[in-house]
Amino acid sequence: MTTFNKPYMTGRETEYIRLAVESGKISGNGIFTKRCQAFFEERYGFRKCLLTTSCTDALEMAAILTGVGPGDEVIVPSYTFVSSALAFVRQGAKIVFCDSFRDNPNIDPVEIEKLVSSRTKVIVPVHYAGVACDMDAIMDIARRHDLLVVEDAAQAIDSFYTGKDGVRRPLGSIGHLAAFSFHETKNIISGEGGMLVVNDPRFIRRAEIIWEKGTNRAEFFRGEVNKYGWVDTGSSFLPSEIVAAFLWAQLENLDRIQARRRQIWDSYHAQLSPFAARGEFSLPDIPGYATNNAHMFYLVFPDLEKRTKFIGDMKAQDVQCVFHYLALHASAFYAGKHDGRALPNCDRFADCLVRMPLFYELDPEIVVRAISKVCS
């Protein structure tokens, strides 16, 4: 069976975990945590990075930092993972779900504009499949309405956006805050793991405090205060040094991993284009302002019935393909809270999108041969 995902090990993960254990500091914020955070700050120009135990935790930190609470509204795409919304629900905010573009699953800024009210405080663009949202349009809306932008960049490591000014910017560096994931299904992994990026200097000091259980412990260990104590809200968002050591082995090989994933993605695109041309399915849409980090290769079928048949037929060929998100506005938890607006593009992607296997050691020819049989 060709599985949907297989975590890739570079070969040095256990060596670095051993070094972390031997260092005598495995509770976090040690040498490997600092290396990983510095890597992102130096390579991508992120102002401040804080590793977290998951992307969900990074989003929860971001929600706390934005200061949202009961009565506030947060605009979130409906076609996303639950964490994009849940982080703000935990703060008591109301989620206002927004539709996707017709051609790709990213949030549509035209629809965002229609949803802004006097109660709106935050916009959460999700860079689906590592492909950039239209960040010029989103940031313009945020500036005009004095809103904060939290980029959900869970899938968007090493992906970029080129603005109207011609400047290419890393995803995660554009909004006030951003969150990344290192879950085992992502390009760069640590099993579970995430990172908060703080681009707005107003939030840096408080982010460290929230990160360390509401204490100013980080300042204490830098020698900036002579004792530390409880000064704010927070939680145990800091991952262990073992997680950071695993992540460092991956980051050392980022360019090699990315090159291989792009090779697989390009092979899929070239070989599946004839099937798309005859209407079997649609291929991923990459807008001109976005790069492709090869996080995901997906197909969009004409309807739910055809998608269901395809997944079953591929399973019969020993290839595991999966559908992705169920639209959150129709979820059991939030359906009764949604205002009833139709979100047709989100619903279509929920019914029609299929993810292909994509991992470092994959032979894409196996999957393409199976699709050729299924679609013949």
Protein backbone atom coordinates (compact mmCIF):
# COMPACT_ATOMS: atom_id res chain seq x y z
CA MET A 1 0.00 0.00 0.00
CA THR A 2 1.28 3.47 -0.91
CA THR A 3 0.27 5.44 2.16
CA PHE A 4 -0.84 9.05 2.11
CA ASN A 5 2.06 10.16 4.30
CA LYS A 6 5.33 8.77 5.62
CA PRO A 7 7.42 10.89 8.02
CA TYR A 8 10.94 11.46 6.70
CA MET A 9 13.98 11.14 8.96
CA THR A 10 17.22 12.85 7.94
CA GLY A 11 19.38 10.48 10.02
CA ARG A 12 20.54 12.85 12.77
CA GLU A 13 17.35 13.16 14.82
CA THR A 14 18.31 10.58 17.45
CA GLU A 15 21.88 11.91 17.62
CA TYR A 16 20.63 15.40 18.46
CA ILE A 17 18.08 14.04 20.92
CA ARG A 18 20.94 12.26 22.69
CA LEU A 19 22.93 15.50 22.80
CA ALA A 20 19.92 17.31 24.24
CA VAL A 21 19.59 14.70 26.97
CA GLU A 22 23.31 14.83 27.73
CA SER A 23 23.14 18.61 28.02
CA GLY A 24 21.19 18.20 31.23
CA LYS A 25 18.47 20.60 30.07
CA ILE A 26 15.57 18.89 28.36
CA SER A 27 12.64 20.99 29.60
CA GLY A 28 12.92 23.47 26.72
CA ASN A 29 14.45 26.81 25.74
CA GLY A 30 17.90 25.24 25.60
CA ILE A 31 20.50 25.10 22.84
CA PHE A 32 18.31 23.40 20.21
CA THR A 33 15.30 25.63 20.88
CA LYS A 34 17.52 28.68 20.42
CA ARG A 35 19.09 27.26 17.26
CA CYS A 36 15.70 26.60 15.66
CA GLN A 37 14.31 30.02 16.56
CA ALA A 38 17.44 31.78 15.31
CA PHE A 39 17.26 29.80 12.05
CA PHE A 40 13.83 31.20 11.23
CA GLU A 41 14.65 34.72 12.36
CA GLU A 42 17.83 34.83 10.27
CA ARG A 43 16.66 32.98 7.15
CA TYR A 44 13.22 34.56 6.80
CA GLY A 45 13.55 37.82 8.71
CA PHE A 46 10.85 37.00 11.24
CA ARG A 47 11.13 39.50 14.09
CA LYS A 48 10.65 37.03 16.96
CA CYS A 49 10.08 33.26 16.90
CA LEU A 50 8.93 31.05 19.76
CA LEU A 51 8.71 27.29 19.37
CA THR A 52 5.49 25.75 20.69
CA THR A 53 4.20 22.26 21.33
CA SER A 54 1.87 22.54 18.30
CA CYS A 55 0.53 24.98 15.75
CA THR A 56 -2.71 24.94 17.73
CA ASP A 57 -0.78 26.26 20.73
CA ALA A 58 0.82 28.94 18.57
CA LEU A 59 -2.63 30.03 17.39
CA GLU A 60 -3.89 30.05 20.97
CA MET A 61 -1.00 32.30 21.96
CA ALA A 62 -1.84 34.57 19.03
CA ALA A 63 -5.48 34.70 20.11
CA ILE A 64 -4.47 35.75 23.62
CA LEU A 65 -2.12 38.41 22.25
CA THR A 66 -4.82 39.94 20.05
CA GLY A 67 -6.91 40.56 23.16
CA VAL A 68 -10.16 39.29 21.63
CA GLY A 69 -13.00 38.36 23.93
CA PRO A 70 -16.78 38.09 24.17
CA GLY A 71 -18.49 40.44 21.71
CA ASP A 72 -15.52 40.52 19.33
CA GLU A 73 -15.60 38.98 15.86
CA VAL A 74 -12.85 37.12 14.06
CA ILE A 75 -13.02 36.43 10.31
CA VAL A 76 -11.79 32.92 9.46
CA PRO A 77 -12.09 30.81 6.30
CA SER A 78 -14.55 27.96 6.71
CA TYR A 79 -12.36 25.63 4.67
CA THR A 80 -9.57 25.11 7.21
CA PHE A 81 -8.58 22.97 10.15
CA VAL A 82 -10.52 23.49 13.36
CA SER A 83 -7.57 25.10 15.20
CA SER A 84 -7.77 28.23 13.01
CA ALA A 85 -11.12 29.02 14.63
CA LEU A 86 -10.89 27.15 17.94
CA ALA A 87 -8.06 29.32 19.26
CA PHE A 88 -10.32 32.38 19.14
CA VAL A 89 -13.42 30.54 20.33
CA ARG A 90 -11.51 29.70 23.51
CA GLN A 91 -11.15 33.46 24.12
CA GLY A 92 -14.92 33.92 23.77
CA ALA A 93 -14.85 35.56 20.34
CA LYS A 94 -17.47 34.98 17.67
CA ILE A 95 -16.21 33.35 14.47
CA VAL A 96 -17.47 34.84 11.22
CA PHE A 97 -16.79 32.32 8.49
CA CYS A 98 -15.68 33.50 5.06
CA ASP A 99 -15.83 31.79 1.68
CA SER A 100 -12.90 30.69 -0.49
CA PHE A 101 -11.98 31.79 -3.98
CA ARG A 102 -13.69 29.72 -6.64
CA ASP A 103 -10.35 28.64 -8.14
CA ASN A 104 -8.45 27.80 -4.94
CA PRO A 105 -9.30 27.13 -1.29
CA ASN A 106 -7.77 30.34 0.10
CA ILE A 107 -9.94 33.01 1.69
CA ASP A 108 -11.41 35.57 -0.74
CA PRO A 109 -10.62 39.21 0.27
CA VAL A 110 -13.73 40.47 -1.55
CA GLU A 111 -15.81 38.33 0.80
CA ILE A 112 -13.76 39.46 3.82
CA GLU A 113 -14.63 43.10 3.09
CA LYS A 114 -18.34 42.29 3.16
CA LEU A 115 -18.01 40.71 6.62
CA VAL A 116 -16.15 43.48 8.45
CA SER A 117 -18.27 45.11 11.17
CA SER A 118 -17.68 47.43 14.11
CA ARG A 119 -17.07 44.30 16.19
CA THR A 120 -14.41 42.77 13.92
CA LYS A 121 -10.98 42.59 15.55
CA VAL A 122 -8.94 39.98 13.65
CA ILE A 123 -8.60 38.38 10.21
CA VAL A 124 -7.07 34.89 10.00
CA PRO A 125 -5.87 34.10 6.46
CA VAL A 126 -4.91 30.43 6.05
CA HIS A 127 -2.27 29.73 3.38
CA TYR A 128 -3.83 26.50 2.14
CA ALA A 129 -1.35 23.98 0.67
CA GLY A 130 1.42 26.48 1.39
CA VAL A 131 0.08 28.80 -1.33
CA ALA A 132 -0.17 32.47 -0.36
CA CYS A 133 -3.43 34.25 0.24
CA ASP A 134 -3.78 37.64 -1.45
CA MET A 135 -1.95 39.41 1.36
CA ASP A 136 -1.88 42.91 -0.20
CA ALA A 137 -5.67 42.93 -0.30
CA ILE A 138 -6.00 41.45 3.19
CA MET A 139 -3.51 43.84 4.78
CA ASP A 140 -5.22 46.78 3.07
CA ILE A 141 -8.53 45.77 4.63
CA ALA A 142 -6.82 45.41 8.00
CA ARG A 143 -5.21 48.87 7.78
CA ARG A 144 -8.42 50.61 6.74
CA HIS A 145 -10.43 49.01 9.56
CA ASP A 146 -7.68 48.91 12.22
CA LEU A 147 -7.68 45.12 12.44
CA LEU A 148 -5.01 42.59 13.38
CA VAL A 149 -3.94 39.85 10.96
CA VAL A 150 -2.87 36.41 12.20
CA GLU A 151 -1.42 34.29 9.40
CA ASP A 152 -2.20 30.60 9.78
CA ALA A 153 0.95 29.42 8.02
CA ALA A 154 0.71 25.83 9.27
CA GLN A 155 1.42 24.48 5.77
CA ALA A 156 3.49 27.37 4.50
CA ILE A 157 7.11 26.89 5.54
CA ASP A 158 9.52 28.19 2.88
CA SER A 159 6.76 29.72 0.76
CA PHE A 160 6.54 33.32 -0.41
CA TYR A 161 4.23 36.10 -1.52
CA THR A 162 5.14 38.79 -4.07
CA GLY A 163 3.27 42.02 -3.45
CA LYS A 164 2.25 44.72 -5.85
CA ASP A 165 5.47 46.52 -4.94
CA GLY A 166 7.43 43.63 -6.44
CA VAL A 167 8.94 42.57 -3.10
CA ARG A 168 8.92 38.87 -2.31
CA ARG A 169 8.12 38.19 1.35
CA PRO A 170 8.11 34.91 3.27
CA LEU A 171 4.68 33.73 4.38
CA GLY A 172 4.42 34.31 8.10
CA SER A 173 6.27 37.62 7.90
CA ILE A 174 3.40 39.78 6.64
CA GLY A 175 0.72 39.69 9.33
CA HIS A 176 1.09 40.99 12.87
CA LEU A 177 1.39 37.39 14.09
CA ALA A 178 1.75 33.98 12.44
CA ALA A 179 1.65 30.31 13.37
CA PHE A 180 3.52 27.36 11.81
CA SER A 181 3.16 23.60 12.21
CA PHE A 182 5.78 20.85 12.39
CA HIS A 183 3.25 18.02 12.61
CA GLU A 184 4.41 14.78 11.00
CA THR A 185 2.34 15.51 7.87
CA LYS A 186 4.18 18.77 7.15
CA ASN A 187 7.30 19.39 5.04
CA ILE A 188 9.53 19.85 8.11
CA ILE A 189 8.51 17.85 11.15
CA SER A 190 9.07 17.17 14.84
CA GLY A 191 6.19 14.72 15.34
CA GLU A 192 4.06 17.39 16.97
CA GLY A 193 5.31 20.94 17.18
CA GLY A 194 4.71 24.48 16.09
CA MET A 195 5.98 28.04 16.22
CA LEU A 196 4.59 31.47 16.91
CA VAL A 197 6.02 34.31 14.84
CA VAL A 198 5.71 37.82 16.25
CA ASN A 199 6.20 40.51 13.60
CA ASP A 200 4.66 43.41 15.53
CA PRO A 201 7.08 44.53 18.28
CA ARG A 202 4.15 45.52 20.52
CA PHE A 203 3.58 41.85 21.24
CA ILE A 204 7.10 40.51 21.77
CA ARG A 205 7.50 40.87 25.54
CA ARG A 206 4.00 39.62 26.32
CA ALA A 207 4.41 36.68 23.92
CA GLU A 208 7.41 35.45 25.92
CA ILE A 209 5.44 35.76 29.15
CA ILE A 210 2.42 33.87 27.78
CA TRP A 211 4.83 31.24 26.40
CA GLU A 212 6.31 30.64 29.86
CA LYS A 213 3.10 30.06 31.85
CA GLY A 214 2.43 33.75 32.45
CA THR A 215 5.82 34.39 34.07
CA ASN A 216 8.77 36.57 33.11
CA ARG A 217 11.05 33.52 33.36
CA ALA A 218 12.71 34.15 29.96
CA GLU A 219 13.81 37.61 31.12
CA PHE A 220 15.20 36.08 34.31
CA PHE A 221 17.34 33.55 32.44
CA ARG A 222 18.70 36.34 30.23
CA GLY A 223 19.70 38.23 33.38
CA GLU A 224 17.29 41.10 32.71
CA VAL A 225 15.51 40.72 36.08
CA ASN A 226 16.81 39.32 39.38
CA LYS A 227 13.77 37.10 39.98
CA TYR A 228 10.73 35.97 38.10
CA GLY A 229 7.09 35.54 38.98
CA TRP A 230 3.52 35.36 37.72
CA VAL A 231 2.80 38.56 35.78
CA ASP A 232 0.13 37.66 33.18
CA THR A 233 -2.03 34.89 31.78
CA GLY A 234 -0.39 32.08 29.81
CA SER A 235 0.14 28.36 29.67
CA SER A 236 2.79 25.70 29.11
CA PHE A 237 3.35 26.43 25.43
CA LEU A 238 7.12 25.80 25.42
CA PRO A 239 8.10 22.39 23.92
CA SER A 240 10.76 20.13 25.38
CA GLU A 241 14.33 20.29 24.14
CA ILE A 242 13.86 16.80 22.70
CA VAL A 243 11.26 18.15 20.26
CA ALA A 244 13.56 21.03 19.31
CA ALA A 245 16.51 18.65 18.77
CA PHE A 246 14.44 16.56 16.36
CA LEU A 247 13.35 19.72 14.54
CA TRP A 248 16.92 20.97 14.20
CA ALA A 249 17.92 17.82 12.31
CA GLN A 250 15.11 18.58 9.87
CA LEU A 251 15.96 22.27 9.47
CA GLU A 252 19.56 21.42 8.59
CA ASN A 253 18.12 19.57 5.59
CA LEU A 254 15.39 22.02 4.63
CA ASP A 255 16.71 22.77 1.14
CA ARG A 256 17.17 19.09 0.27
CA ILE A 257 13.72 18.17 1.57
CA GLN A 258 12.10 21.03 -0.31
CA ALA A 259 13.89 20.18 -3.56
CA ARG A 260 12.66 16.59 -3.42
CA ARG A 261 9.08 17.56 -2.60
CA ARG A 262 9.02 20.05 -5.50
CA GLN A 263 10.34 17.34 -7.82
CA ILE A 264 7.45 15.06 -6.83
CA TRP A 265 4.93 17.90 -7.15
CA ASP A 266 6.20 18.83 -10.61
CA SER A 267 6.05 15.20 -11.71
CA TYR A 268 2.44 14.94 -10.60
CA HIS A 269 1.51 18.15 -12.38
CA ALA A 270 3.16 17.21 -15.67
CA GLN A 271 1.77 13.68 -15.80
CA LEU A 272 -1.74 14.47 -14.59
CA SER A 273 -2.31 17.50 -16.82
CA PRO A 274 -3.75 15.37 -19.69
CA PHE A 275 -6.40 13.97 -17.34
CA ALA A 276 -7.27 17.48 -16.18
CA ALA A 277 -7.48 18.66 -19.80
CA ARG A 278 -10.18 16.13 -20.56
CA GLY A 279 -12.18 17.12 -17.45
CA GLU A 280 -11.51 14.23 -15.06
CA PHE A 281 -10.50 16.69 -12.33
CA SER A 282 -8.86 20.09 -11.81
CA LEU A 283 -5.25 20.60 -10.71
CA PRO A 284 -4.01 23.00 -8.00
CA ASP A 285 -4.23 26.71 -8.81
CA ILE A 286 -1.10 28.75 -8.00
CA PRO A 287 -1.77 32.52 -8.33
CA GLY A 288 0.96 34.63 -9.88
CA TYR A 289 1.78 36.28 -6.55
CA ALA A 290 2.45 32.94 -4.82
CA THR A 291 5.25 30.39 -4.80
CA ASN A 292 4.75 26.66 -4.37
CA ASN A 293 6.44 24.96 -1.40
CA ALA A 294 5.13 21.53 -2.49
CA HIS A 295 3.35 20.90 0.76
CA MET A 296 0.41 19.30 -0.98
CA PHE A 297 -0.81 18.06 -4.34
CA TYR A 298 -4.57 17.93 -4.61
CA LEU A 299 -7.21 17.21 -7.22
CA VAL A 300 -10.68 18.77 -7.37
CA PHE A 301 -13.40 16.50 -8.80
CA PRO A 302 -16.65 17.69 -10.40
CA ASP A 303 -18.80 16.35 -7.57
CA LEU A 304 -18.87 14.30 -4.36
CA GLU A 305 -19.89 11.09 -6.13
CA LYS A 306 -16.90 11.16 -8.49
CA ARG A 307 -14.54 11.96 -5.61
CA THR A 308 -15.86 9.10 -3.50
CA LYS A 309 -15.51 6.65 -6.39
CA PHE A 310 -11.95 7.84 -7.11
CA ILE A 311 -10.82 7.34 -3.50
CA GLY A 312 -12.32 3.85 -3.46
CA ASP A 313 -10.83 2.92 -6.82
CA MET A 314 -7.38 4.17 -5.77
CA LYS A 315 -7.61 2.13 -2.57
CA ALA A 316 -8.27 -0.91 -4.74
CA GLN A 317 -5.00 -0.04 -6.52
CA ASP A 318 -3.21 0.05 -3.10
CA VAL A 319 -2.86 3.84 -3.08
CA GLN A 320 -4.24 5.81 -0.14
CA CYS A 321 -5.79 9.14 -1.13
CA VAL A 322 -7.74 11.22 1.37
CA PHE A 323 -10.25 14.03 1.33
CA HIS A 324 -9.41 17.03 3.47
CA TYR A 325 -11.39 19.49 5.61
CA LEU A 326 -15.09 19.49 6.26
CA ALA A 327 -16.30 23.10 6.09
CA LEU A 328 -16.36 24.44 9.66
CA HIS A 329 -19.54 26.48 9.23
CA ALA A 330 -21.41 23.18 8.81
CA SER A 331 -19.68 21.39 11.70
CA ALA A 332 -21.64 19.87 14.56
CA PHE A 333 -20.06 22.33 16.98
CA TYR A 334 -20.59 25.57 15.06
CA ALA A 335 -23.52 25.03 12.69
CA GLY A 336 -26.00 26.47 15.18
CA LYS A 337 -23.84 29.55 15.68
CA HIS A 338 -23.29 30.26 11.98
CA ASP A 339 -25.48 33.02 10.56
CA GLY A 340 -26.80 30.86 7.75
CA ARG A 341 -24.88 32.51 4.90
CA ALA A 342 -24.13 30.18 2.01
CA LEU A 343 -20.43 29.50 1.45
CA PRO A 344 -20.60 27.61 -1.84
CA ASN A 345 -16.89 27.49 -2.64
CA CYS A 346 -15.99 26.11 0.80
CA ASP A 347 -18.72 23.51 0.43
CA ARG A 348 -17.46 22.54 -3.03
CA PHE A 349 -13.88 22.02 -1.84
CA ALA A 350 -15.14 20.03 1.15
CA ASP A 351 -17.06 17.74 -1.21
CA CYS A 352 -14.69 17.55 -4.17
CA LEU A 353 -11.03 17.93 -3.10
CA VAL A 354 -8.70 14.92 -2.79
CA ARG A 355 -5.12 14.94 -1.49
CA MET A 356 -2.53 12.77 -3.21
CA PRO A 357 0.28 11.01 -1.34
CA LEU A 358 3.27 13.34 -1.08
CA PHE A 359 6.31 12.55 1.04
CA TYR A 360 10.09 12.56 0.59
CA GLU A 361 10.52 8.86 -0.27
CA LEU A 362 7.46 8.60 -2.53
CA ASP A 363 7.78 7.28 -6.07
CA PRO A 364 5.13 9.40 -7.86
CA GLU A 365 5.13 7.00 -10.82
CA ILE A 366 3.30 4.43 -8.68
CA VAL A 367 0.49 6.89 -7.99
CA VAL A 368 0.32 8.11 -11.59
CA ARG A 369 0.07 4.54 -12.90
CA ALA A 370 -2.79 3.89 -10.48
CA ILE A 371 -4.60 7.06 -11.61
CA SER A 372 -4.11 6.01 -15.24
CA LYS A 373 -5.89 2.73 -14.52
CA VAL A 374 -8.65 4.36 -12.51
CA CYS A 375 -9.31 7.11 -15.06
CA SER A 376 -8.88 5.03 -18.20
